[in-house]
């Protein structure tokens, strides 16, 4: 499952060394038959910023990528999991975002948990908040082997 960071890298039309490496990483996983999922919350977080910055090429690339990968809509079940994770993090004194925010990380985690897949890993650029709830790693660490 792709977090917003890697999703932003692979849809960025400005080809930096990191975005190129991430696109190659993603392509190798697709060619190897890995199941790659774009969660709706990652689409939302990336799309809102692309729209704010009027980056139409990035939006077109995001739309194109969603045509060839699996897209996971947010469900009621996922949002109920997210509410539980949000409350749990605060009860433990370890919130993943401010009290007045929607907290995309808990929604991302909830989307992952709602799939109940045995080997799901969130590919991210920041593992901090995610690994308290699900398996997550830097995209660079997720090799095919």
N, C-alpha and C. Protein backbone atom coordinates (compact mmCIF):
# COMPACT_ATOMS: atom_id res chain seq x y z
N UNK A 1 0.85 -1.17 0.00
CA UNK A 1 0.00 0.00 0.00
C UNK A 1 0.90 1.24 0.00
N UNK A 2 0.57 2.20 -0.85
CA UNK A 2 1.39 3.40 -0.96
C UNK A 2 0.89 4.51 -0.04
N UNK A 3 1.80 5.07 0.73
CA UNK A 3 1.51 6.26 1.51
C UNK A 3 1.66 7.47 0.58
N UNK A 4 1.30 8.63 1.08
CA UNK A 4 1.32 9.85 0.27
C UNK A 4 2.72 10.18 -0.26
N UNK A 5 3.76 9.97 0.54
CA UNK A 5 5.12 10.30 0.12
C UNK A 5 5.54 9.60 -1.16
N UNK A 6 5.54 8.26 -1.18
CA UNK A 6 5.90 7.56 -2.42
C UNK A 6 4.94 7.86 -3.58
N UNK A 7 3.65 8.02 -3.27
CA UNK A 7 2.68 8.34 -4.31
C UNK A 7 3.03 9.69 -4.94
N UNK A 8 3.39 10.65 -4.13
CA UNK A 8 3.80 11.95 -4.65
C UNK A 8 5.07 11.87 -5.47
N UNK A 9 6.00 11.04 -5.04
CA UNK A 9 7.26 10.89 -5.80
C UNK A 9 7.01 10.32 -7.19
N UNK A 10 6.21 9.27 -7.28
CA UNK A 10 6.01 8.62 -8.59
C UNK A 10 5.11 9.40 -9.52
N UNK A 11 4.34 10.34 -9.00
CA UNK A 11 3.48 11.15 -9.87
C UNK A 11 4.08 12.52 -10.17
N UNK A 12 5.23 12.82 -9.60
CA UNK A 12 5.87 14.12 -9.79
C UNK A 12 6.48 14.21 -11.18
N UNK A 13 6.04 15.15 -12.02
CA UNK A 13 6.60 15.28 -13.37
C UNK A 13 8.04 15.84 -13.36
N UNK A 14 8.46 16.45 -12.26
CA UNK A 14 9.84 16.92 -12.14
C UNK A 14 10.70 15.73 -11.74
N UNK A 15 11.50 15.25 -12.65
CA UNK A 15 12.24 14.02 -12.42
C UNK A 15 13.51 14.27 -11.61
N UNK A 16 13.39 14.15 -10.31
CA UNK A 16 14.55 14.22 -9.42
C UNK A 16 15.13 12.81 -9.31
N UNK A 17 16.34 12.67 -8.82
CA UNK A 17 16.88 11.33 -8.61
C UNK A 17 15.99 10.47 -7.71
N UNK A 18 15.41 11.07 -6.67
CA UNK A 18 14.56 10.30 -5.77
C UNK A 18 13.25 9.89 -6.44
N UNK A 19 12.62 10.79 -7.19
CA UNK A 19 11.37 10.43 -7.84
C UNK A 19 11.59 9.39 -8.93
N UNK A 20 12.70 9.48 -9.63
CA UNK A 20 13.04 8.48 -10.64
C UNK A 20 13.27 7.12 -10.00
N UNK A 21 14.01 7.11 -8.90
CA UNK A 21 14.27 5.85 -8.19
C UNK A 21 12.98 5.23 -7.67
N UNK A 22 12.08 6.07 -7.14
CA UNK A 22 10.82 5.56 -6.62
C UNK A 22 9.94 5.02 -7.76
N UNK A 23 9.92 5.70 -8.89
CA UNK A 23 9.15 5.21 -10.04
C UNK A 23 9.70 3.86 -10.53
N UNK A 24 11.02 3.73 -10.56
CA UNK A 24 11.63 2.45 -10.96
C UNK A 24 11.31 1.36 -9.95
N UNK A 25 11.34 1.71 -8.67
CA UNK A 25 11.00 0.76 -7.61
C UNK A 25 9.57 0.27 -7.79
N UNK A 26 8.65 1.21 -8.02
CA UNK A 26 7.25 0.84 -8.21
C UNK A 26 7.07 -0.03 -9.44
N UNK A 27 7.71 0.36 -10.53
CA UNK A 27 7.59 -0.42 -11.77
C UNK A 27 8.10 -1.84 -11.56
N UNK A 28 9.19 -2.02 -10.82
CA UNK A 28 9.71 -3.37 -10.60
C UNK A 28 8.72 -4.21 -9.79
N UNK A 29 8.04 -3.60 -8.85
CA UNK A 29 7.04 -4.33 -8.08
C UNK A 29 5.83 -4.70 -8.95
N UNK A 30 5.42 -3.79 -9.80
CA UNK A 30 4.30 -4.08 -10.70
C UNK A 30 4.66 -5.21 -11.66
N UNK A 31 5.84 -5.13 -12.24
CA UNK A 31 6.28 -6.17 -13.19
C UNK A 31 6.45 -7.53 -12.52
N UNK A 32 6.78 -7.52 -11.23
CA UNK A 32 6.94 -8.77 -10.49
C UNK A 32 5.60 -9.34 -10.03
N UNK A 33 4.53 -8.61 -10.28
CA UNK A 33 3.20 -9.09 -9.91
C UNK A 33 2.78 -8.74 -8.50
N UNK A 34 3.49 -7.84 -7.85
CA UNK A 34 3.09 -7.40 -6.51
C UNK A 34 1.75 -6.67 -6.59
N UNK A 35 0.96 -6.85 -5.59
CA UNK A 35 -0.30 -6.12 -5.48
C UNK A 35 0.02 -4.75 -4.90
N UNK A 36 -0.23 -3.70 -5.65
CA UNK A 36 0.07 -2.34 -5.20
C UNK A 36 -1.26 -1.59 -5.08
N UNK A 37 -1.47 -0.99 -3.91
CA UNK A 37 -2.75 -0.37 -3.61
C UNK A 37 -2.56 1.11 -3.32
N UNK A 38 -3.42 1.93 -3.93
CA UNK A 38 -3.47 3.35 -3.62
C UNK A 38 -4.67 3.56 -2.71
N UNK A 39 -4.44 3.88 -1.43
CA UNK A 39 -5.57 4.14 -0.55
C UNK A 39 -6.15 5.53 -0.81
N UNK A 40 -7.43 5.65 -0.68
CA UNK A 40 -8.10 6.91 -0.97
C UNK A 40 -7.55 8.06 -0.14
N UNK A 41 -7.16 7.80 1.11
CA UNK A 41 -6.64 8.89 1.95
C UNK A 41 -5.33 9.43 1.37
N UNK A 42 -4.49 8.59 0.80
CA UNK A 42 -3.24 9.06 0.19
C UNK A 42 -3.55 9.88 -1.06
N UNK A 43 -4.52 9.43 -1.84
CA UNK A 43 -4.97 10.21 -3.01
C UNK A 43 -5.43 11.59 -2.56
N UNK A 44 -6.26 11.63 -1.52
CA UNK A 44 -6.79 12.89 -1.01
C UNK A 44 -5.67 13.83 -0.56
N UNK A 45 -4.74 13.31 0.24
CA UNK A 45 -3.67 14.17 0.76
C UNK A 45 -2.80 14.73 -0.36
N UNK A 46 -2.50 13.91 -1.35
CA UNK A 46 -1.68 14.37 -2.47
C UNK A 46 -2.48 15.29 -3.39
N UNK A 47 -3.68 14.89 -3.74
CA UNK A 47 -4.51 15.65 -4.68
C UNK A 47 -4.82 17.06 -4.16
N UNK A 48 -5.11 17.19 -2.88
CA UNK A 48 -5.44 18.51 -2.34
C UNK A 48 -4.27 19.47 -2.49
N UNK A 49 -3.04 18.96 -2.30
CA UNK A 49 -1.86 19.81 -2.45
C UNK A 49 -1.60 20.14 -3.92
N UNK A 50 -1.79 19.16 -4.79
CA UNK A 50 -1.61 19.42 -6.23
C UNK A 50 -2.62 20.45 -6.72
N UNK A 51 -3.86 20.35 -6.26
CA UNK A 51 -4.89 21.33 -6.63
C UNK A 51 -4.55 22.72 -6.08
N UNK A 52 -4.12 22.78 -4.83
CA UNK A 52 -3.77 24.06 -4.22
C UNK A 52 -2.66 24.74 -5.01
N UNK A 53 -1.68 23.96 -5.46
CA UNK A 53 -0.53 24.51 -6.19
C UNK A 53 -0.79 24.59 -7.69
N UNK A 54 -2.01 24.21 -8.12
CA UNK A 54 -2.38 24.23 -9.54
C UNK A 54 -1.41 23.41 -10.40
N UNK A 55 -1.06 22.23 -9.92
CA UNK A 55 -0.12 21.35 -10.63
C UNK A 55 -0.91 20.30 -11.42
N UNK A 56 -1.38 20.71 -12.58
CA UNK A 56 -2.25 19.88 -13.40
C UNK A 56 -1.54 18.64 -13.94
N UNK A 57 -0.25 18.75 -14.25
CA UNK A 57 0.49 17.58 -14.74
C UNK A 57 0.57 16.51 -13.66
N UNK A 58 0.77 16.93 -12.42
CA UNK A 58 0.80 15.98 -11.31
C UNK A 58 -0.54 15.30 -11.13
N UNK A 59 -1.63 16.06 -11.26
CA UNK A 59 -2.96 15.47 -11.14
C UNK A 59 -3.21 14.47 -12.27
N UNK A 60 -2.81 14.83 -13.47
CA UNK A 60 -2.97 13.91 -14.60
C UNK A 60 -2.17 12.62 -14.38
N UNK A 61 -0.97 12.75 -13.85
CA UNK A 61 -0.15 11.56 -13.57
C UNK A 61 -0.78 10.71 -12.47
N UNK A 62 -1.35 11.35 -11.45
CA UNK A 62 -2.04 10.63 -10.38
C UNK A 62 -3.24 9.88 -10.95
N UNK A 63 -4.05 10.56 -11.76
CA UNK A 63 -5.21 9.91 -12.37
C UNK A 63 -4.78 8.73 -13.24
N UNK A 64 -3.70 8.90 -13.98
CA UNK A 64 -3.20 7.84 -14.85
C UNK A 64 -2.72 6.63 -14.04
N UNK A 65 -2.02 6.90 -12.96
CA UNK A 65 -1.51 5.82 -12.12
C UNK A 65 -2.66 5.03 -11.50
N UNK A 66 -3.72 5.73 -11.14
CA UNK A 66 -4.86 5.06 -10.54
C UNK A 66 -5.59 4.15 -11.52
N UNK A 67 -5.36 4.34 -12.82
CA UNK A 67 -5.97 3.47 -13.82
C UNK A 67 -5.28 2.11 -13.91
N UNK A 68 -4.00 2.06 -13.47
CA UNK A 68 -3.26 0.79 -13.61
C UNK A 68 -2.96 0.12 -12.27
N UNK A 69 -3.31 0.75 -11.17
CA UNK A 69 -3.12 0.15 -9.85
C UNK A 69 -4.47 -0.02 -9.16
N UNK A 70 -4.46 -0.77 -8.09
CA UNK A 70 -5.70 -0.97 -7.32
C UNK A 70 -5.97 0.27 -6.46
N UNK A 71 -7.19 0.74 -6.46
CA UNK A 71 -7.60 1.91 -5.69
C UNK A 71 -8.50 1.43 -4.56
N UNK A 72 -8.20 1.86 -3.33
CA UNK A 72 -8.97 1.42 -2.17
C UNK A 72 -9.78 2.58 -1.60
N UNK A 73 -11.10 2.59 -1.86
CA UNK A 73 -11.95 3.66 -1.31
C UNK A 73 -12.03 3.56 0.21
N UNK A 74 -12.29 4.69 0.84
CA UNK A 74 -12.50 4.72 2.29
C UNK A 74 -13.90 4.17 2.56
N UNK A 75 -13.98 3.26 3.51
CA UNK A 75 -15.25 2.64 3.87
C UNK A 75 -15.65 3.06 5.28
N UNK A 76 -16.89 2.77 5.63
CA UNK A 76 -17.35 3.02 7.00
C UNK A 76 -16.53 2.20 7.98
N UNK A 77 -16.24 0.96 7.65
CA UNK A 77 -15.43 0.11 8.52
C UNK A 77 -14.06 0.74 8.76
N UNK A 78 -13.43 1.23 7.71
CA UNK A 78 -12.11 1.86 7.86
C UNK A 78 -12.21 3.10 8.76
N UNK A 79 -13.23 3.91 8.59
CA UNK A 79 -13.37 5.11 9.40
C UNK A 79 -13.64 4.76 10.87
N UNK A 80 -14.31 3.68 11.12
CA UNK A 80 -14.53 3.26 12.51
C UNK A 80 -13.23 2.76 13.12
N UNK A 81 -12.44 2.03 12.34
CA UNK A 81 -11.09 1.64 12.80
C UNK A 81 -10.26 2.89 13.08
N UNK A 82 -10.32 3.86 12.19
CA UNK A 82 -9.54 5.10 12.34
C UNK A 82 -9.90 5.82 13.63
N UNK A 83 -11.17 5.91 13.92
CA UNK A 83 -11.60 6.57 15.16
C UNK A 83 -11.03 5.84 16.38
N UNK A 84 -11.03 4.52 16.32
CA UNK A 84 -10.49 3.73 17.43
C UNK A 84 -8.98 3.97 17.57
N UNK A 85 -8.25 3.96 16.44
CA UNK A 85 -6.81 4.20 16.49
C UNK A 85 -6.50 5.62 16.98
N UNK A 86 -7.28 6.61 16.54
CA UNK A 86 -7.10 7.99 16.96
C UNK A 86 -7.24 8.09 18.48
N UNK A 87 -8.31 7.51 19.02
CA UNK A 87 -8.56 7.55 20.46
C UNK A 87 -7.48 6.78 21.22
N UNK A 88 -7.10 5.63 20.73
CA UNK A 88 -6.08 4.80 21.38
C UNK A 88 -4.75 5.56 21.47
N UNK A 89 -4.36 6.22 20.38
CA UNK A 89 -3.09 6.96 20.37
C UNK A 89 -3.12 8.07 21.42
N UNK A 90 -4.25 8.74 21.56
CA UNK A 90 -4.37 9.82 22.54
C UNK A 90 -4.42 9.30 23.97
N UNK A 91 -5.08 8.18 24.16
CA UNK A 91 -5.13 7.57 25.49
C UNK A 91 -3.74 7.15 25.96
N UNK A 92 -2.88 6.79 24.99
CA UNK A 92 -1.51 6.38 25.31
C UNK A 92 -0.56 7.57 25.35
N UNK A 93 -1.09 8.78 25.12
CA UNK A 93 -0.26 9.97 25.14
C UNK A 93 0.67 10.09 23.94
N UNK A 94 0.30 9.43 22.81
CA UNK A 94 1.13 9.43 21.61
C UNK A 94 0.30 9.75 20.37
N UNK A 95 -0.32 10.92 20.32
CA UNK A 95 -1.14 11.25 19.15
C UNK A 95 -0.29 11.32 17.88
N UNK A 96 -0.92 10.98 16.77
CA UNK A 96 -0.22 11.03 15.48
C UNK A 96 -0.44 12.35 14.76
N UNK A 97 -1.30 13.21 15.31
CA UNK A 97 -1.56 14.54 14.75
C UNK A 97 -2.27 15.36 15.81
N UNK A 98 -2.50 16.64 15.52
CA UNK A 98 -3.18 17.52 16.46
C UNK A 98 -4.62 17.08 16.72
N UNK A 99 -5.15 17.48 17.87
CA UNK A 99 -6.49 17.06 18.27
C UNK A 99 -7.59 17.53 17.32
N UNK A 100 -7.38 18.60 16.59
CA UNK A 100 -8.41 19.15 15.71
C UNK A 100 -8.24 18.72 14.24
N UNK A 101 -7.29 17.86 13.98
CA UNK A 101 -7.05 17.44 12.60
C UNK A 101 -7.79 16.14 12.29
N UNK A 102 -7.97 15.87 11.02
CA UNK A 102 -8.59 14.62 10.60
C UNK A 102 -7.66 13.44 10.87
N UNK A 103 -6.37 13.64 10.78
CA UNK A 103 -5.34 12.63 11.04
C UNK A 103 -5.33 11.55 9.96
N UNK A 104 -4.75 11.91 8.84
CA UNK A 104 -4.64 11.00 7.72
C UNK A 104 -3.90 9.71 8.04
N UNK A 105 -2.94 9.77 8.96
CA UNK A 105 -2.20 8.55 9.30
C UNK A 105 -3.10 7.48 9.90
N UNK A 106 -4.02 7.88 10.79
CA UNK A 106 -4.89 6.86 11.36
C UNK A 106 -5.88 6.33 10.32
N UNK A 107 -6.27 7.17 9.39
CA UNK A 107 -7.15 6.70 8.32
C UNK A 107 -6.40 5.74 7.41
N UNK A 108 -5.14 6.06 7.09
CA UNK A 108 -4.31 5.16 6.28
C UNK A 108 -4.15 3.82 6.96
N UNK A 109 -3.81 3.84 8.24
CA UNK A 109 -3.66 2.60 9.01
C UNK A 109 -4.98 1.82 9.00
N UNK A 110 -6.07 2.52 9.19
CA UNK A 110 -7.37 1.86 9.21
C UNK A 110 -7.71 1.24 7.87
N UNK A 111 -7.35 1.93 6.79
CA UNK A 111 -7.60 1.34 5.46
C UNK A 111 -6.79 0.06 5.30
N UNK A 112 -5.56 0.07 5.78
CA UNK A 112 -4.71 -1.13 5.70
C UNK A 112 -5.30 -2.27 6.52
N UNK A 113 -5.69 -1.98 7.75
CA UNK A 113 -6.24 -2.99 8.64
C UNK A 113 -7.55 -3.55 8.10
N UNK A 114 -8.35 -2.72 7.46
CA UNK A 114 -9.65 -3.18 6.97
C UNK A 114 -9.52 -4.22 5.86
N UNK A 115 -8.36 -4.28 5.23
CA UNK A 115 -8.16 -5.28 4.18
C UNK A 115 -7.89 -6.68 4.73
N UNK A 116 -7.43 -6.78 5.94
CA UNK A 116 -7.09 -8.06 6.59
C UNK A 116 -6.22 -8.96 5.70
N UNK A 117 -5.19 -8.36 5.11
CA UNK A 117 -4.24 -9.12 4.30
C UNK A 117 -3.07 -9.56 5.17
N UNK A 118 -2.59 -10.79 4.98
CA UNK A 118 -1.51 -11.29 5.85
C UNK A 118 -0.15 -10.62 5.64
N UNK A 119 0.13 -10.12 4.46
CA UNK A 119 1.46 -9.57 4.19
C UNK A 119 1.43 -8.12 3.73
N UNK A 120 0.50 -7.36 4.18
CA UNK A 120 0.40 -5.97 3.75
C UNK A 120 1.46 -5.12 4.45
N UNK A 121 2.14 -4.30 3.65
CA UNK A 121 3.13 -3.36 4.17
C UNK A 121 2.83 -2.01 3.54
N UNK A 122 2.87 -0.97 4.37
CA UNK A 122 2.71 0.38 3.84
C UNK A 122 4.07 0.91 3.45
N UNK A 123 4.21 1.27 2.18
CA UNK A 123 5.44 1.88 1.67
C UNK A 123 5.33 3.38 1.93
N UNK A 124 6.30 3.94 2.64
CA UNK A 124 6.19 5.32 3.09
C UNK A 124 7.53 6.04 3.01
N UNK A 125 7.50 7.31 3.31
CA UNK A 125 8.72 8.10 3.47
C UNK A 125 8.93 8.46 4.94
N UNK A 126 7.98 8.04 5.81
CA UNK A 126 8.07 8.35 7.23
C UNK A 126 7.33 7.26 8.01
N UNK A 127 8.07 6.36 8.62
CA UNK A 127 7.46 5.22 9.30
C UNK A 127 6.94 5.54 10.70
N UNK A 128 7.37 6.64 11.28
CA UNK A 128 7.12 6.99 12.68
C UNK A 128 5.77 6.61 13.25
N UNK A 129 4.70 7.21 12.75
CA UNK A 129 3.38 6.99 13.34
C UNK A 129 2.76 5.67 12.90
N UNK A 130 3.12 5.20 11.75
CA UNK A 130 2.44 4.05 11.18
C UNK A 130 2.79 2.74 11.88
N UNK A 131 4.06 2.56 12.22
CA UNK A 131 4.52 1.26 12.74
C UNK A 131 3.96 0.93 14.12
N UNK A 132 3.34 1.88 14.77
CA UNK A 132 2.68 1.56 16.03
C UNK A 132 1.43 0.71 15.81
N UNK A 133 0.91 0.73 14.59
CA UNK A 133 -0.35 0.05 14.31
C UNK A 133 -0.25 -1.06 13.27
N UNK A 134 0.59 -0.87 12.25
CA UNK A 134 0.70 -1.83 11.15
C UNK A 134 2.16 -1.92 10.70
N UNK A 135 2.43 -2.89 9.83
CA UNK A 135 3.77 -2.98 9.26
C UNK A 135 3.93 -1.88 8.21
N UNK A 136 5.01 -1.13 8.34
CA UNK A 136 5.32 -0.06 7.40
C UNK A 136 6.83 0.05 7.32
N UNK A 137 7.32 0.47 6.16
CA UNK A 137 8.75 0.66 6.00
C UNK A 137 8.98 1.70 4.92
N UNK A 138 10.19 2.24 4.92
CA UNK A 138 10.57 3.15 3.85
C UNK A 138 10.48 2.40 2.53
N UNK A 139 9.98 3.05 1.51
CA UNK A 139 9.80 2.37 0.22
C UNK A 139 11.12 1.79 -0.27
N UNK A 140 12.24 2.48 0.00
CA UNK A 140 13.55 2.01 -0.45
C UNK A 140 13.94 0.66 0.18
N UNK A 141 13.38 0.35 1.36
CA UNK A 141 13.71 -0.89 2.05
C UNK A 141 12.86 -2.07 1.60
N UNK A 142 11.84 -1.82 0.82
CA UNK A 142 10.92 -2.88 0.41
C UNK A 142 11.33 -3.46 -0.94
N UNK A 143 12.24 -4.42 -0.85
CA UNK A 143 12.74 -5.04 -2.07
C UNK A 143 11.86 -6.23 -2.45
N UNK A 144 12.11 -6.75 -3.62
CA UNK A 144 11.30 -7.88 -4.12
C UNK A 144 11.69 -9.20 -3.47
N UNK A 145 12.91 -9.31 -2.97
CA UNK A 145 13.40 -10.56 -2.39
C UNK A 145 12.86 -10.82 -1.09
